[in-house]
Amino acid sequence: TPGITCKDCPSGRYLTDAGTLASTHGADTDCLYCPRGREFVDPTSACRVCGAGKFQPTDSTTPGITCKDCPSGRYLTDAGTLASKHGAETDCQYCTLGRYQPYTSRGFCYACPQGKYSRLGHTFCFHCGVGKYAATWASSTCYSCGVGQYNAGTARSVCYGCPAGHYQPLKGKHFCYHCPKGMYQPYIARTF
């Protein structure tokens, strides 16, 4: 009929059929909402799968839905290939031991550097305290310096042997004892 034109899909909904099937263009209810794990692009394109570090948990009739960011301390590696991996916040995995993520919407976690450690889902790394060390990247714990050793600083990757004339009989210390008056000790890293 002259003077009758097609209308746009309601805001935030889409219809990808190029007009080949009249039966799919009869009402605004033919315009679709984005399903879980996908976000709205435009009225003529199918919804796209959320990218890495994002999820979309809604299967409802919310128009123009966008993906949400995974929280800091978590990540989601799938880079927009499987909608089923982006359908809930629980799809965002916690950073594993020894790793951290300070930002939202990420597809990976950083490894803690030597001298630091982290626990599950952390947003930062902790410094190893005095008398302790973490020798490797991605440590989940700090270790005590052994007997005959010390570490006076924080965030260290090694312990040091007590110098000649000093000793340390205990683990996890930040100092070495001087040899008592009238005694000497010519070696390093000794317990006495």
N, C-alpha and C. Protein backbone atom coordinates (compact mmCIF):
# COMPACT_ATOMS: atom_id res chain seq x y z
N THR A 1 0.86 -1.17 0.00
CA THR A 1 0.00 0.00 0.00
C THR A 1 0.90 1.23 0.00
N PRO A 2 0.61 2.21 -0.87
CA PRO A 2 1.41 3.43 -0.90
C PRO A 2 1.29 4.19 0.41
N GLY A 3 2.41 4.82 0.83
CA GLY A 3 2.42 5.62 2.04
C GLY A 3 2.72 4.84 3.31
N ILE A 4 2.76 3.51 3.23
CA ILE A 4 3.07 2.69 4.41
C ILE A 4 4.53 2.30 4.29
N THR A 5 5.28 2.56 5.33
CA THR A 5 6.70 2.23 5.34
C THR A 5 7.01 1.28 6.49
N CYS A 6 8.10 0.60 6.35
CA CYS A 6 8.55 -0.29 7.43
C CYS A 6 9.09 0.56 8.58
N LYS A 7 8.94 0.05 9.76
CA LYS A 7 9.41 0.76 10.96
C LYS A 7 10.67 0.09 11.48
N ASP A 8 11.47 0.88 12.14
CA ASP A 8 12.68 0.34 12.78
C ASP A 8 12.28 -0.54 13.95
N CYS A 9 13.12 -1.52 14.23
CA CYS A 9 12.92 -2.32 15.44
C CYS A 9 13.00 -1.37 16.63
N PRO A 10 12.29 -1.69 17.70
CA PRO A 10 12.39 -0.86 18.91
C PRO A 10 13.85 -0.77 19.37
N SER A 11 14.17 0.29 20.02
CA SER A 11 15.53 0.55 20.49
C SER A 11 16.09 -0.63 21.28
N GLY A 12 17.30 -1.04 20.91
CA GLY A 12 17.98 -2.11 21.63
C GLY A 12 17.61 -3.51 21.18
N ARG A 13 16.83 -3.65 20.12
CA ARG A 13 16.45 -4.96 19.59
C ARG A 13 16.90 -5.05 18.14
N TYR A 14 16.98 -6.26 17.62
CA TYR A 14 17.50 -6.44 16.26
C TYR A 14 16.69 -7.43 15.45
N LEU A 15 16.90 -7.37 14.13
CA LEU A 15 16.28 -8.30 13.18
C LEU A 15 17.26 -8.43 12.02
N THR A 16 17.79 -9.63 11.81
CA THR A 16 18.85 -9.80 10.81
C THR A 16 18.33 -10.23 9.45
N ASP A 17 17.13 -10.76 9.35
CA ASP A 17 16.58 -11.18 8.06
C ASP A 17 16.51 -9.97 7.13
N ALA A 18 16.98 -10.13 5.91
CA ALA A 18 17.05 -9.03 4.95
C ALA A 18 15.72 -8.81 4.24
N GLY A 19 14.64 -9.12 4.88
CA GLY A 19 13.32 -8.89 4.28
C GLY A 19 12.87 -9.99 3.35
N THR A 20 13.53 -11.14 3.40
CA THR A 20 13.16 -12.23 2.50
C THR A 20 11.95 -13.01 3.00
N LEU A 21 11.67 -12.95 4.28
CA LEU A 21 10.51 -13.66 4.84
C LEU A 21 9.56 -12.65 5.47
N ALA A 22 8.47 -12.42 4.82
CA ALA A 22 7.49 -11.46 5.33
C ALA A 22 6.97 -11.88 6.70
N SER A 23 6.93 -13.18 6.94
CA SER A 23 6.39 -13.67 8.21
C SER A 23 7.24 -13.25 9.41
N THR A 24 8.50 -12.88 9.18
CA THR A 24 9.35 -12.46 10.30
C THR A 24 9.43 -10.94 10.41
N HIS A 25 8.57 -10.24 9.69
CA HIS A 25 8.59 -8.77 9.70
C HIS A 25 7.20 -8.19 9.97
N GLY A 26 6.31 -8.94 10.59
CA GLY A 26 4.93 -8.50 10.76
C GLY A 26 4.66 -7.68 12.00
N ALA A 27 5.52 -7.75 13.00
CA ALA A 27 5.25 -7.03 14.26
C ALA A 27 6.56 -6.74 14.97
N ASP A 28 6.49 -5.78 15.90
CA ASP A 28 7.72 -5.46 16.64
C ASP A 28 8.19 -6.63 17.50
N THR A 29 7.32 -7.58 17.77
CA THR A 29 7.72 -8.76 18.54
C THR A 29 8.64 -9.68 17.73
N ASP A 30 8.73 -9.45 16.41
CA ASP A 30 9.68 -10.21 15.59
C ASP A 30 11.11 -9.72 15.82
N CYS A 31 11.26 -8.53 16.36
CA CYS A 31 12.58 -7.99 16.67
C CYS A 31 13.08 -8.66 17.95
N LEU A 32 14.32 -9.09 17.94
CA LEU A 32 14.85 -9.95 19.00
C LEU A 32 15.65 -9.20 20.05
N TYR A 33 15.71 -9.82 21.23
CA TYR A 33 16.56 -9.35 22.33
C TYR A 33 17.83 -10.19 22.33
N CYS A 34 18.88 -9.68 22.90
CA CYS A 34 20.13 -10.44 22.98
C CYS A 34 20.03 -11.51 24.07
N PRO A 35 20.44 -12.72 23.75
CA PRO A 35 20.44 -13.77 24.77
C PRO A 35 21.67 -13.67 25.68
N ARG A 36 21.65 -14.46 26.72
CA ARG A 36 22.76 -14.54 27.69
C ARG A 36 24.09 -14.76 26.98
N GLY A 37 25.13 -14.02 27.44
CA GLY A 37 26.47 -14.16 26.88
C GLY A 37 26.72 -13.32 25.65
N ARG A 38 25.73 -12.52 25.24
CA ARG A 38 25.86 -11.68 24.04
C ARG A 38 25.41 -10.26 24.35
N GLU A 39 25.86 -9.29 23.52
CA GLU A 39 25.46 -7.90 23.70
C GLU A 39 24.96 -7.30 22.39
N PHE A 40 24.15 -6.28 22.53
CA PHE A 40 23.54 -5.60 21.39
C PHE A 40 24.59 -4.84 20.59
N VAL A 41 24.47 -4.92 19.24
CA VAL A 41 25.37 -4.21 18.34
C VAL A 41 24.62 -3.07 17.65
N ASP A 42 23.63 -3.45 16.83
CA ASP A 42 22.78 -2.47 16.15
C ASP A 42 21.53 -3.20 15.66
N PRO A 43 20.50 -2.46 15.16
CA PRO A 43 19.22 -3.09 14.81
C PRO A 43 19.26 -4.09 13.65
N THR A 44 20.36 -4.12 12.87
CA THR A 44 20.42 -5.03 11.72
C THR A 44 21.48 -6.12 11.89
N SER A 45 22.10 -6.20 13.04
CA SER A 45 23.16 -7.20 13.27
C SER A 45 22.80 -8.10 14.44
N ALA A 46 23.21 -9.36 14.32
CA ALA A 46 23.02 -10.28 15.45
C ALA A 46 23.87 -9.81 16.62
N CYS A 47 23.43 -10.13 17.80
CA CYS A 47 24.18 -9.75 19.01
C CYS A 47 25.53 -10.46 18.99
N ARG A 48 26.56 -9.78 19.47
CA ARG A 48 27.89 -10.39 19.48
C ARG A 48 28.20 -11.00 20.84
N VAL A 49 29.03 -12.02 20.81
CA VAL A 49 29.48 -12.67 22.04
C VAL A 49 30.35 -11.69 22.81
N CYS A 50 30.20 -11.67 24.12
CA CYS A 50 31.02 -10.80 24.97
C CYS A 50 32.50 -11.12 24.77
N GLY A 51 33.33 -10.12 24.86
CA GLY A 51 34.77 -10.31 24.69
C GLY A 51 35.43 -10.83 25.96
N ALA A 52 36.72 -11.01 25.90
CA ALA A 52 37.50 -11.48 27.05
C ALA A 52 37.29 -10.54 28.24
N GLY A 53 37.13 -11.12 29.42
CA GLY A 53 36.97 -10.32 30.64
C GLY A 53 35.57 -9.76 30.83
N LYS A 54 34.59 -10.21 30.04
CA LYS A 54 33.23 -9.69 30.14
C LYS A 54 32.20 -10.81 30.14
N PHE A 55 31.03 -10.52 30.70
CA PHE A 55 29.93 -11.48 30.76
C PHE A 55 28.61 -10.73 30.64
N GLN A 56 27.55 -11.48 30.31
CA GLN A 56 26.21 -10.88 30.21
C GLN A 56 25.23 -11.96 30.67
N PRO A 57 24.68 -11.82 31.88
CA PRO A 57 23.89 -12.89 32.48
C PRO A 57 22.39 -12.89 32.17
N THR A 58 21.91 -12.00 31.32
CA THR A 58 20.46 -11.81 31.15
C THR A 58 19.90 -12.49 29.91
N ASP A 59 18.82 -13.23 30.09
CA ASP A 59 18.04 -13.79 28.98
C ASP A 59 16.70 -13.08 28.91
N SER A 60 16.59 -11.95 29.55
CA SER A 60 15.30 -11.27 29.68
C SER A 60 15.02 -10.37 28.49
N THR A 61 14.03 -9.56 28.63
CA THR A 61 13.61 -8.64 27.58
C THR A 61 14.19 -7.24 27.82
N THR A 62 15.44 -7.19 28.24
CA THR A 62 16.10 -5.90 28.43
C THR A 62 16.68 -5.45 27.09
N PRO A 63 16.22 -4.33 26.54
CA PRO A 63 16.75 -3.89 25.25
C PRO A 63 18.14 -3.27 25.37
N GLY A 64 18.92 -3.40 24.30
CA GLY A 64 20.23 -2.76 24.24
C GLY A 64 21.20 -3.23 25.29
N ILE A 65 21.11 -4.47 25.68
CA ILE A 65 21.94 -5.01 26.75
C ILE A 65 23.42 -4.98 26.36
N THR A 66 24.28 -4.67 27.32
CA THR A 66 25.73 -4.68 27.09
C THR A 66 26.38 -5.65 28.07
N CYS A 67 27.55 -6.08 27.71
CA CYS A 67 28.30 -7.00 28.57
C CYS A 67 28.84 -6.25 29.77
N LYS A 68 28.97 -6.97 30.88
CA LYS A 68 29.50 -6.41 32.12
C LYS A 68 30.95 -6.84 32.30
N ASP A 69 31.69 -6.05 33.05
CA ASP A 69 33.09 -6.35 33.31
C ASP A 69 33.25 -7.40 34.40
N CYS A 70 34.17 -8.34 34.20
CA CYS A 70 34.56 -9.22 35.30
C CYS A 70 35.20 -8.34 36.37
N PRO A 71 34.96 -8.62 37.65
CA PRO A 71 35.55 -7.79 38.71
C PRO A 71 37.06 -7.95 38.78
N SER A 72 37.72 -7.01 39.42
CA SER A 72 39.16 -7.13 39.63
C SER A 72 39.41 -8.38 40.48
N GLY A 73 40.57 -8.98 40.30
CA GLY A 73 40.89 -10.24 40.98
C GLY A 73 40.37 -11.46 40.24
N ARG A 74 39.70 -11.21 39.09
CA ARG A 74 39.14 -12.30 38.29
C ARG A 74 39.44 -12.05 36.82
N TYR A 75 39.24 -13.09 35.99
CA TYR A 75 39.51 -12.98 34.56
C TYR A 75 38.61 -13.94 33.79
N LEU A 76 38.49 -13.72 32.50
CA LEU A 76 37.74 -14.61 31.61
C LEU A 76 38.49 -14.62 30.29
N THR A 77 39.07 -15.76 29.92
CA THR A 77 39.98 -15.82 28.78
C THR A 77 39.30 -15.90 27.43
N ASP A 78 38.13 -16.50 27.32
CA ASP A 78 37.49 -16.65 26.01
C ASP A 78 37.32 -15.28 25.36
N ALA A 79 37.84 -15.11 24.17
CA ALA A 79 37.83 -13.81 23.49
C ALA A 79 36.64 -13.66 22.55
N GLY A 80 35.46 -13.97 23.03
CA GLY A 80 34.26 -13.74 22.23
C GLY A 80 33.93 -14.83 21.25
N THR A 81 34.26 -16.08 21.56
CA THR A 81 33.94 -17.17 20.64
C THR A 81 32.75 -18.00 21.10
N LEU A 82 32.60 -18.21 22.41
CA LEU A 82 31.51 -19.05 22.92
C LEU A 82 30.65 -18.27 23.91
N ALA A 83 29.42 -17.97 23.53
CA ALA A 83 28.51 -17.23 24.41
C ALA A 83 28.29 -17.97 25.72
N SER A 84 28.32 -19.29 25.69
CA SER A 84 28.10 -20.09 26.90
C SER A 84 29.17 -19.86 27.96
N LYS A 85 30.32 -19.31 27.58
CA LYS A 85 31.38 -19.02 28.54
C LYS A 85 31.29 -17.60 29.10
N HIS A 86 30.25 -16.86 28.71
CA HIS A 86 30.10 -15.46 29.12
C HIS A 86 28.72 -15.18 29.72
N GLY A 87 28.03 -16.21 30.20
CA GLY A 87 26.66 -16.05 30.63
C GLY A 87 26.42 -15.75 32.09
N ALA A 88 27.46 -15.70 32.89
CA ALA A 88 27.28 -15.43 34.32
C ALA A 88 28.58 -14.88 34.91
N GLU A 89 28.45 -14.16 36.01
CA GLU A 89 29.65 -13.63 36.67
C GLU A 89 30.54 -14.77 37.14
N THR A 90 29.96 -15.92 37.43
CA THR A 90 30.76 -17.07 37.86
C THR A 90 31.64 -17.61 36.73
N ASP A 91 31.40 -17.19 35.48
CA ASP A 91 32.30 -17.55 34.38
C ASP A 91 33.62 -16.81 34.50
N CYS A 92 33.64 -15.73 35.25
CA CYS A 92 34.88 -14.99 35.52
C CYS A 92 35.64 -15.78 36.58
N GLN A 93 36.79 -16.30 36.23
CA GLN A 93 37.57 -17.14 37.13
C GLN A 93 38.41 -16.29 38.07
N TYR A 94 38.60 -16.79 39.29
CA TYR A 94 39.48 -16.10 40.24
C TYR A 94 40.93 -16.29 39.82
N CYS A 95 41.73 -15.26 39.98
CA CYS A 95 43.16 -15.39 39.74
C CYS A 95 43.69 -16.48 40.66
N THR A 96 44.53 -17.33 40.13
CA THR A 96 45.05 -18.46 40.90
C THR A 96 46.14 -17.98 41.88
N LEU A 97 46.54 -18.87 42.75
CA LEU A 97 47.59 -18.56 43.74
C LEU A 97 48.83 -18.02 43.03
N GLY A 98 49.39 -16.95 43.57
CA GLY A 98 50.59 -16.37 43.00
C GLY A 98 50.34 -15.41 41.85
N ARG A 99 49.06 -15.17 41.55
CA ARG A 99 48.70 -14.26 40.45
C ARG A 99 47.69 -13.24 40.95
N TYR A 100 47.59 -12.12 40.25
CA TYR A 100 46.69 -11.05 40.67
C TYR A 100 46.18 -10.28 39.44
N GLN A 101 45.10 -9.55 39.62
CA GLN A 101 44.56 -8.70 38.57
C GLN A 101 43.94 -7.46 39.21
N PRO A 102 44.58 -6.30 39.09
CA PRO A 102 44.06 -5.10 39.73
C PRO A 102 42.93 -4.43 38.94
N TYR A 103 42.74 -4.82 37.69
CA TYR A 103 41.76 -4.16 36.84
C TYR A 103 40.55 -5.03 36.56
N THR A 104 39.47 -4.42 36.13
CA THR A 104 38.28 -5.15 35.72
C THR A 104 38.39 -5.49 34.24
N SER A 105 37.53 -6.38 33.78
CA SER A 105 37.39 -6.69 32.36
C SER A 105 38.67 -7.20 31.71
N ARG A 106 39.32 -8.18 32.32
CA ARG A 106 40.58 -8.70 31.78
C ARG A 106 40.48 -10.18 31.44
N GLY A 107 41.32 -10.61 30.52
CA GLY A 107 41.35 -12.00 30.09
C GLY A 107 42.53 -12.77 30.65
N PHE A 108 43.22 -12.21 31.64
CA PHE A 108 44.39 -12.87 32.21
C PHE A 108 44.68 -12.27 33.59
N CYS A 109 45.59 -12.91 34.30
CA CYS A 109 46.09 -12.39 35.58
C CYS A 109 47.60 -12.28 35.48
N TYR A 110 48.17 -11.32 36.19
CA TYR A 110 49.62 -11.13 36.23
C TYR A 110 50.23 -12.06 37.27
N ALA A 111 51.49 -12.45 37.03
CA ALA A 111 52.24 -13.23 38.01
C ALA A 111 52.87 -12.27 39.01
N CYS A 112 52.81 -12.61 40.29
CA CYS A 112 53.50 -11.80 41.30
C CYS A 112 55.01 -11.92 41.06
N PRO A 113 55.74 -10.81 41.18
CA PRO A 113 57.18 -10.88 40.98
C PRO A 113 57.88 -11.54 42.17
N GLN A 114 59.14 -11.84 42.01
CA GLN A 114 59.93 -12.43 43.09
C GLN A 114 59.86 -11.51 44.31
N GLY A 115 59.82 -12.11 45.48
CA GLY A 115 59.76 -11.34 46.72
C GLY A 115 58.34 -10.99 47.15
N LYS A 116 57.35 -11.40 46.34
CA LYS A 116 55.95 -11.12 46.66
C LYS A 116 55.12 -12.37 46.44
N TYR A 117 53.90 -12.37 46.98
CA TYR A 117 53.01 -13.52 46.85
C TYR A 117 51.56 -13.06 46.85
N SER A 118 50.67 -13.94 46.44
CA SER A 118 49.23 -13.63 46.52
C SER A 118 48.43 -14.90 46.73
N ARG A 119 47.21 -14.70 47.15
CA ARG A 119 46.26 -15.79 47.36
C ARG A 119 45.23 -15.79 46.23
N LEU A 120 44.28 -16.68 46.28
CA LEU A 120 43.24 -16.83 45.27
C LEU A 120 42.40 -15.55 45.13
N GLY A 121 42.27 -15.05 43.90
CA GLY A 121 41.41 -13.92 43.61
C GLY A 121 41.90 -12.57 44.09
N HIS A 122 43.18 -12.42 44.29
CA HIS A 122 43.70 -11.15 44.81
C HIS A 122 43.86 -10.10 43.71
N THR A 123 43.80 -8.86 44.14
CA THR A 123 43.96 -7.73 43.23
C THR A 123 45.35 -7.12 43.33
N PHE A 124 46.19 -7.64 44.18
CA PHE A 124 47.56 -7.16 44.35
C PHE A 124 48.39 -8.26 44.98
N CYS A 125 49.70 -8.06 45.02
CA CYS A 125 50.61 -9.01 45.66
C CYS A 125 51.08 -8.44 47.00
N PHE A 126 51.29 -9.31 47.96
CA PHE A 126 51.82 -8.92 49.27
C PHE A 126 53.35 -9.02 49.24
N HIS A 127 54.01 -8.15 49.99
CA HIS A 127 55.47 -8.22 50.15
C HIS A 127 55.79 -9.31 51.15
N CYS A 128 56.82 -10.08 50.87
CA CYS A 128 57.33 -11.01 51.89
C CYS A 128 57.95 -10.15 52.99
N GLY A 129 57.72 -10.53 54.23
CA GLY A 129 58.22 -9.76 55.36
C GLY A 129 59.69 -10.02 55.63
N VAL A 130 60.23 -9.32 56.60
CA VAL A 130 61.63 -9.51 56.98
C VAL A 130 61.83 -10.95 57.44
N GLY A 131 62.96 -11.51 57.13
CA GLY A 131 63.25 -12.90 57.50
C GLY A 131 62.61 -13.92 56.58
N LYS A 132 61.97 -13.44 55.49
CA LYS A 132 61.28 -14.33 54.55
C LYS A 132 61.67 -13.96 53.12
N TYR A 133 61.37 -14.87 52.18
CA TYR A 133 61.67 -14.62 50.77
C TYR A 133 60.74 -15.42 49.87
N ALA A 134 60.64 -15.01 48.60
CA ALA A 134 59.94 -15.76 47.55
C ALA A 134 60.86 -15.73 46.34
N ALA A 135 61.49 -16.86 46.04
CA ALA A 135 62.53 -16.92 45.03
C ALA A 135 62.00 -16.92 43.59
N THR A 136 60.75 -17.32 43.39
CA THR A 136 60.22 -17.45 42.03
C THR A 136 59.06 -16.49 41.77
N TRP A 137 58.79 -16.29 40.50
CA TRP A 137 57.60 -15.54 40.11
C TRP A 137 56.38 -16.39 40.43
N ALA A 138 55.24 -15.75 40.63
CA ALA A 138 53.95 -16.43 40.88
C ALA A 138 53.97 -17.26 42.16
N SER A 139 54.58 -16.76 43.21
CA SER A 139 54.61 -17.48 44.49
C SER A 139 53.29 -17.30 45.23
N SER A 140 52.88 -18.36 45.89
CA SER A 140 51.66 -18.29 46.69
C SER A 140 51.98 -18.17 48.18
N THR A 141 53.26 -18.19 48.51
CA THR A 141 53.68 -18.07 49.90
C THR A 141 55.12 -17.55 49.96
N CYS A 142 55.51 -17.10 51.12
CA CYS A 142 56.91 -16.72 51.37
C CYS A 142 57.52 -17.78 52.28
N TYR A 143 58.78 -18.00 52.13
CA TYR A 143 59.47 -19.01 52.93
C TYR A 143 60.41 -18.33 53.92
N SER A 144 60.58 -18.96 55.06
CA SER A 144 61.48 -18.42 56.09
C SER A 144 62.93 -18.65 55.68
N CYS A 145 63.76 -17.68 55.96
CA CYS A 145 65.20 -17.86 55.76
C CYS A 145 65.66 -19.00 56.65
N GLY A 146 66.62 -19.78 56.18
CA GLY A 146 67.10 -20.92 56.95
C GLY A 146 68.03 -20.50 58.08
N VAL A 147 68.41 -21.45 58.89
CA VAL A 147 69.38 -21.17 59.96
C VAL A 147 70.68 -20.74 59.31
N GLY A 148 71.39 -19.83 59.96
CA GLY A 148 72.63 -19.30 59.40
C GLY A 148 72.40 -18.22 58.35
N GLN A 149 71.13 -17.84 58.16
CA GLN A 149 70.78 -16.83 57.16
C GLN A 149 69.93 -15.73 57.77
N TYR A 150 69.81 -14.63 57.02
CA TYR A 150 68.95 -13.53 57.46
C TYR A 150 68.46 -12.76 56.23
N ASN A 151 67.46 -11.94 56.45
CA ASN A 151 66.95 -11.05 55.41
C ASN A 151 66.35 -9.85 56.13
N ALA A 152 66.98 -8.70 56.04
CA ALA A 152 66.55 -7.53 56.79
C ALA A 152 65.51 -6.68 56.05
N GLY A 153 65.27 -6.97 54.77
CA GLY A 153 64.32 -6.16 54.00
C GLY A 153 63.03 -6.90 53.71
N THR A 154 62.10 -6.20 53.05
CA THR A 154 60.86 -6.83 52.62
C THR A 154 60.90 -7.02 51.11
N ALA A 155 60.01 -7.87 50.61
CA ALA A 155 59.90 -8.15 49.17
C ALA A 155 61.22 -8.65 48.58
N ARG A 156 61.86 -9.58 49.27
CA ARG A 156 63.15 -10.10 48.82
C ARG A 156 62.99 -11.47 48.18
N SER A 157 63.89 -11.76 47.25
CA SER A 157 63.86 -13.06 46.58
C SER A 157 64.93 -14.02 47.08
N VAL A 158 65.79 -13.55 47.98
CA VAL A 158 66.85 -14.39 48.53
C VAL A 158 67.09 -14.04 50.00
N CYS A 159 67.76 -14.94 50.69
CA CYS A 159 68.26 -14.67 52.04
C CYS A 159 69.77 -14.65 51.94
N TYR A 160 70.40 -14.04 52.90
CA TYR A 160 71.85 -13.90 52.88
C TYR A 160 72.45 -14.69 54.02
N GLY A 161 73.62 -15.28 53.74
CA GLY A 161 74.33 -15.99 54.79
C GLY A 161 74.93 -15.00 55.78
N CYS A 162 74.86 -15.34 57.05
CA CYS A 162 75.47 -14.47 58.06
C CYS A 162 76.97 -14.35 57.75
N PRO A 163 77.51 -13.14 57.84
CA PRO A 163 78.94 -12.97 57.52
C PRO A 163 79.84 -13.58 58.60
N ALA A 164 81.10 -13.68 58.29
CA ALA A 164 82.09 -14.19 59.26
C ALA A 164 82.00 -13.34 60.52
N GLY A 165 82.13 -13.98 61.67
CA GLY A 165 82.03 -13.27 62.94
C GLY A 165 80.60 -13.15 63.44
N HIS A 166 79.63 -13.74 62.71
CA HIS A 166 78.20 -13.69 63.07
C HIS A 166 77.59 -15.07 62.92
N TYR A 167 76.42 -15.27 63.50
CA TYR A 167 75.71 -16.54 63.39
C TYR A 167 74.21 -16.32 63.62
N GLN A 168 73.41 -17.32 63.23
CA GLN A 168 71.96 -17.27 63.47
C GLN A 168 71.47 -18.71 63.60
N PRO A 169 71.09 -19.13 64.83
CA PRO A 169 70.65 -20.50 65.04
C PRO A 169 69.16 -20.74 64.71
N LEU A 170 68.41 -19.69 64.41
CA LEU A 170 66.97 -19.83 64.18
C LEU A 170 66.58 -19.50 62.74
N LYS A 171 65.45 -20.02 62.31
CA LYS A 171 64.91 -19.73 60.98
C LYS A 171 64.12 -18.42 60.99
N GLY A 172 64.00 -17.80 59.81
CA GLY A 172 63.10 -16.67 59.64
C GLY A 172 63.51 -15.40 60.34
N LYS A 173 64.77 -15.15 60.49
CA LYS A 173 65.23 -13.96 61.22
C LYS A 173 65.74 -12.88 60.26
N HIS A 174 65.73 -11.66 60.75
CA HIS A 174 66.16 -10.52 59.94
C HIS A 174 67.52 -9.98 60.40
N PHE A 175 68.24 -10.74 61.20
CA PHE A 175 69.54 -10.29 61.70
C PHE A 175 70.40 -11.51 62.04
N CYS A 176 71.67 -11.26 62.29
CA CYS A 176 72.59 -12.29 62.76
C CYS A 176 73.21 -11.80 64.07
N TYR A 177 73.51 -12.72 64.96
CA TYR A 177 74.17 -12.38 66.23
C TYR A 177 75.67 -12.22 66.01
N HIS A 178 76.29 -11.32 66.79
CA HIS A 178 77.76 -11.20 66.81
C HIS A 178 78.30 -12.33 67.67
N CYS A 179 79.48 -12.79 67.33
CA CYS A 179 80.11 -13.81 68.18
C CYS A 179 80.33 -13.21 69.57
N PRO A 180 80.15 -14.02 70.61
CA PRO A 180 80.36 -13.52 71.97
C PRO A 180 81.82 -13.09 72.18
N LYS A 181 82.01 -12.30 73.19
CA LYS A 181 83.33 -11.79 73.55
C LYS A 181 84.31 -12.96 73.72
N GLY A 182 85.46 -12.84 73.11
CA GLY A 182 86.49 -13.86 73.25
C GLY A 182 86.33 -15.02 72.28
N MET A 183 85.37 -14.95 71.35
CA MET A 183 85.15 -16.05 70.39
C MET A 183 85.18 -15.48 68.97
N TYR A 184 85.45 -16.34 68.02
CA TYR A 184 85.40 -15.93 66.62
C TYR A 184 84.78 -17.04 65.79
N GLN A 185 84.41 -16.70 64.60
CA GLN A 185 83.78 -17.64 63.67
C GLN A 185 84.16 -17.18 62.27
N PRO A 186 85.08 -17.88 61.57
CA PRO A 186 85.62 -17.40 60.30
C PRO A 186 84.78 -17.73 59.06
N TYR A 187 83.65 -18.40 59.21
CA TYR A 187 82.86 -18.85 58.05
C TYR A 187 81.56 -18.05 57.91
N ILE A 188 80.96 -18.14 56.72
CA ILE A 188 79.65 -17.48 56.52
C ILE A 188 78.52 -18.50 56.68
N ALA A 189 77.34 -17.99 56.94
CA ALA A 189 76.12 -18.81 57.03
C ALA A 189 76.20 -19.90 58.10
N ARG A 190 76.63 -19.53 59.28
CA ARG A 190 76.78 -20.51 60.35
C ARG A 190 75.71 -20.34 61.40
N THR A 191 75.40 -21.46 62.07
CA THR A 191 74.43 -21.41 63.17
C THR A 191 75.13 -21.11 64.49
N PHE A 192 76.45 -21.27 64.53
CA PHE A 192 77.32 -20.81 65.62
C PHE A 192 78.74 -21.06 65.28
